[in-house]
Amino acid sequence: MGTDIQGGIEFRHPGAGTDHYDGEPWVAAMDLWPLYDERDYLAFGCLFGVRNSAGFRPLAPGRGLPADLSSGMRSTLGSWVVPGDLSGASWVSWAELAEVLSTVGELACTCEQLTIGAVLGPETHWTHVFAVMKALAGRFGDDGVRLVVAFD
């Protein structure tokens, strides 16, 4: 049986924590599906430690869902995350991704070595996800954008 990914991108509302804003601090910006609809176990392992057969040191393994998850993202994830069992859920900020991705262009893929660049680089479907996150980070800050996911 295969493992699929579900989730989306959230941003932190610029008014969160101020007196003039009483809404949720995080807002669901976009589902993952239109940007990424692959089943790439190398990427799942590299990012979240799921099906990590390549032995990557995962960037954001098993964090569960953020405590301040937006209601929109909670609705998107719905039945993908069984209450009380968050082993298949995690999240990663754009700040964390941007730091790792800054080295992708410098890494080369060879037959002998599997690299992060080969798994998350420009030849993959992740570029669409990262482009949206980067654009939102331009407005809301690197720590104000995150990808929240769950696996089945």
Protein backbone atom coordinates (compact mmCIF):
# COMPACT_ATOMS: atom_id res chain seq x y z
CA MET A 1 0.00 0.00 0.00
CA GLY A 2 1.30 3.47 -0.89
CA THR A 3 1.74 6.54 1.25
CA ASP A 4 0.11 9.77 0.14
CA ILE A 5 0.59 13.35 1.32
CA GLN A 6 -2.17 15.84 2.07
CA GLY A 7 -1.99 19.35 3.43
CA GLY A 8 -1.40 22.91 2.44
CA ILE A 9 0.28 26.24 3.04
CA GLU A 10 -0.62 28.66 5.82
CA PHE A 11 0.53 32.20 6.59
CA ARG A 12 0.55 34.13 9.83
CA HIS A 13 -1.89 37.02 9.70
CA PRO A 14 0.01 40.32 10.05
CA GLY A 15 -2.49 41.52 12.65
CA ALA A 16 -2.10 38.45 14.89
CA GLY A 17 -1.16 39.42 18.41
CA THR A 18 -2.38 43.00 18.06
CA ASP A 19 -5.37 44.68 19.72
CA HIS A 20 -7.15 45.39 16.43
CA TYR A 21 -7.24 41.77 15.16
CA ASP A 22 -9.26 39.05 16.88
CA GLY A 23 -9.17 36.33 14.20
CA GLU A 24 -7.05 33.20 14.01
CA PRO A 25 -3.29 33.83 13.97
CA TRP A 26 -2.72 31.45 11.04
CA VAL A 27 -4.73 31.47 7.80
CA ALA A 28 -4.97 28.63 5.26
CA ALA A 29 -3.60 30.04 1.98
CA MET A 30 -3.71 27.09 -0.39
CA ASP A 31 -4.16 23.33 -0.53
CA LEU A 32 -1.12 21.30 -1.49
CA TRP A 33 -2.92 19.37 -4.23
CA PRO A 34 -2.88 21.86 -7.14
CA LEU A 35 0.83 22.48 -6.55
CA TYR A 36 2.00 18.96 -5.72
CA ASP A 37 0.28 15.67 -6.48
CA GLU A 38 3.17 13.20 -6.51
CA ARG A 39 4.08 10.23 -4.36
CA ASP A 40 7.80 10.84 -3.92
CA TYR A 41 9.14 8.83 -1.01
CA LEU A 42 12.62 10.34 -1.32
CA ALA A 43 11.15 13.81 -0.78
CA PHE A 44 8.82 12.59 1.98
CA GLY A 45 11.86 11.10 3.75
CA CYS A 46 14.06 14.15 3.22
CA LEU A 47 11.46 16.62 4.48
CA PHE A 48 9.47 14.70 7.08
CA GLY A 49 11.18 11.34 7.73
CA VAL A 50 8.28 9.41 6.16
CA ARG A 51 9.39 6.34 4.15
CA ASN A 52 12.98 7.49 4.57
CA SER A 53 14.71 4.58 2.82
CA ALA A 54 17.56 6.84 1.65
CA GLY A 55 18.51 7.65 5.25
CA PHE A 56 18.24 11.46 5.01
CA ARG A 57 18.38 13.45 8.23
CA PRO A 58 14.81 14.77 7.90
CA LEU A 59 14.17 18.47 8.14
CA ALA A 60 10.89 18.33 10.10
CA PRO A 61 10.07 14.79 11.26
CA GLY A 62 7.00 13.93 13.31
CA ARG A 63 6.14 17.37 14.69
CA GLY A 64 2.43 16.67 14.66
CA LEU A 65 0.01 19.44 13.83
CA PRO A 66 0.78 22.99 14.99
CA ALA A 67 -1.11 23.92 18.16
CA ASP A 68 -2.33 27.07 16.40
CA LEU A 69 -3.40 25.32 13.16
CA SER A 70 -5.95 27.34 11.21
CA SER A 71 -9.52 26.07 11.04
CA GLY A 72 -9.22 26.04 7.24
CA MET A 73 -6.23 23.69 7.35
CA ARG A 74 -7.88 21.55 10.02
CA SER A 75 -10.83 21.17 7.65
CA THR A 76 -8.51 20.34 4.72
CA LEU A 77 -6.73 17.63 6.67
CA GLY A 78 -10.03 16.28 8.03
CA SER A 79 -9.90 12.52 8.27
CA TRP A 80 -6.23 12.31 7.25
CA VAL A 81 -5.18 12.82 10.85
CA VAL A 82 -6.91 10.52 13.32
CA PRO A 83 -7.44 12.35 16.63
CA GLY A 84 -4.75 11.28 19.04
CA ASP A 85 -2.52 9.78 16.32
CA LEU A 86 -0.35 12.52 14.90
CA SER A 87 2.52 10.24 13.82
CA GLY A 88 1.70 10.97 10.19
CA ALA A 89 1.52 14.76 10.58
CA SER A 90 4.16 17.47 10.55
CA TRP A 91 4.89 21.02 9.44
CA VAL A 92 7.86 23.05 8.28
CA SER A 93 8.35 26.82 8.02
CA TRP A 94 9.51 28.61 4.92
CA ALA A 95 12.51 29.88 6.94
CA GLU A 96 13.65 26.27 7.48
CA LEU A 97 13.03 25.30 3.87
CA ALA A 98 14.74 28.40 2.47
CA GLU A 99 17.88 27.61 4.46
CA VAL A 100 18.07 24.07 3.07
CA LEU A 101 17.10 25.09 -0.46
CA SER A 102 19.82 27.74 -0.59
CA THR A 103 22.33 24.91 -1.05
CA VAL A 104 20.32 22.99 -3.67
CA GLY A 105 21.88 24.77 -6.64
CA GLU A 106 25.35 23.94 -5.36
CA LEU A 107 24.73 20.23 -4.98
CA ALA A 108 25.26 17.81 -7.82
CA CYS A 109 23.51 14.50 -8.29
CA THR A 110 25.70 11.58 -9.27
CA CYS A 111 25.07 7.90 -9.63
CA GLU A 112 26.99 7.32 -6.41
CA GLN A 113 25.27 9.89 -4.23
CA LEU A 114 21.67 10.92 -3.70
CA THR A 115 21.41 14.61 -2.79
CA ILE A 116 18.79 16.97 -1.44
CA GLY A 117 19.03 18.85 -4.74
CA ALA A 118 17.97 15.78 -6.68
CA VAL A 119 15.04 15.22 -4.34
CA LEU A 120 13.79 18.81 -3.88
CA GLY A 121 15.47 20.73 -6.71
CA PRO A 122 14.23 22.43 -9.86
CA GLU A 123 13.46 19.22 -11.72
CA THR A 124 10.85 18.16 -9.14
CA HIS A 125 7.24 19.10 -8.54
CA TRP A 126 8.20 20.71 -5.22
CA THR A 127 9.28 23.87 -7.05
CA HIS A 128 5.62 24.94 -7.34
CA VAL A 129 5.08 24.55 -3.59
CA PHE A 130 8.28 26.41 -2.76
CA ALA A 131 7.48 29.24 -5.21
CA VAL A 132 4.14 29.92 -3.52
CA MET A 133 5.71 29.74 -0.07
CA LYS A 134 8.51 32.10 -1.11
CA ALA A 135 6.02 34.59 -2.55
CA LEU A 136 3.96 34.55 0.66
CA ALA A 137 7.14 34.91 2.73
CA GLY A 138 7.88 38.10 0.81
CA ARG A 139 4.76 39.55 2.39
CA PHE A 140 4.43 37.73 5.72
CA GLY A 141 8.07 36.90 6.55
CA ASP A 142 9.95 33.61 6.38
CA ASP A 143 8.70 32.45 9.79
CA GLY A 144 5.17 33.56 8.88
CA VAL A 145 4.67 30.87 6.23
CA ARG A 146 4.53 27.12 6.77
CA LEU A 147 3.64 23.89 5.02
CA VAL A 148 1.44 21.57 7.09
CA VAL A 149 1.08 17.95 5.99
CA ALA A 150 -0.30 14.57 6.96
CA PHE A 151 0.41 11.15 5.50
CA ASP A 152 -1.69 8.03 5.23
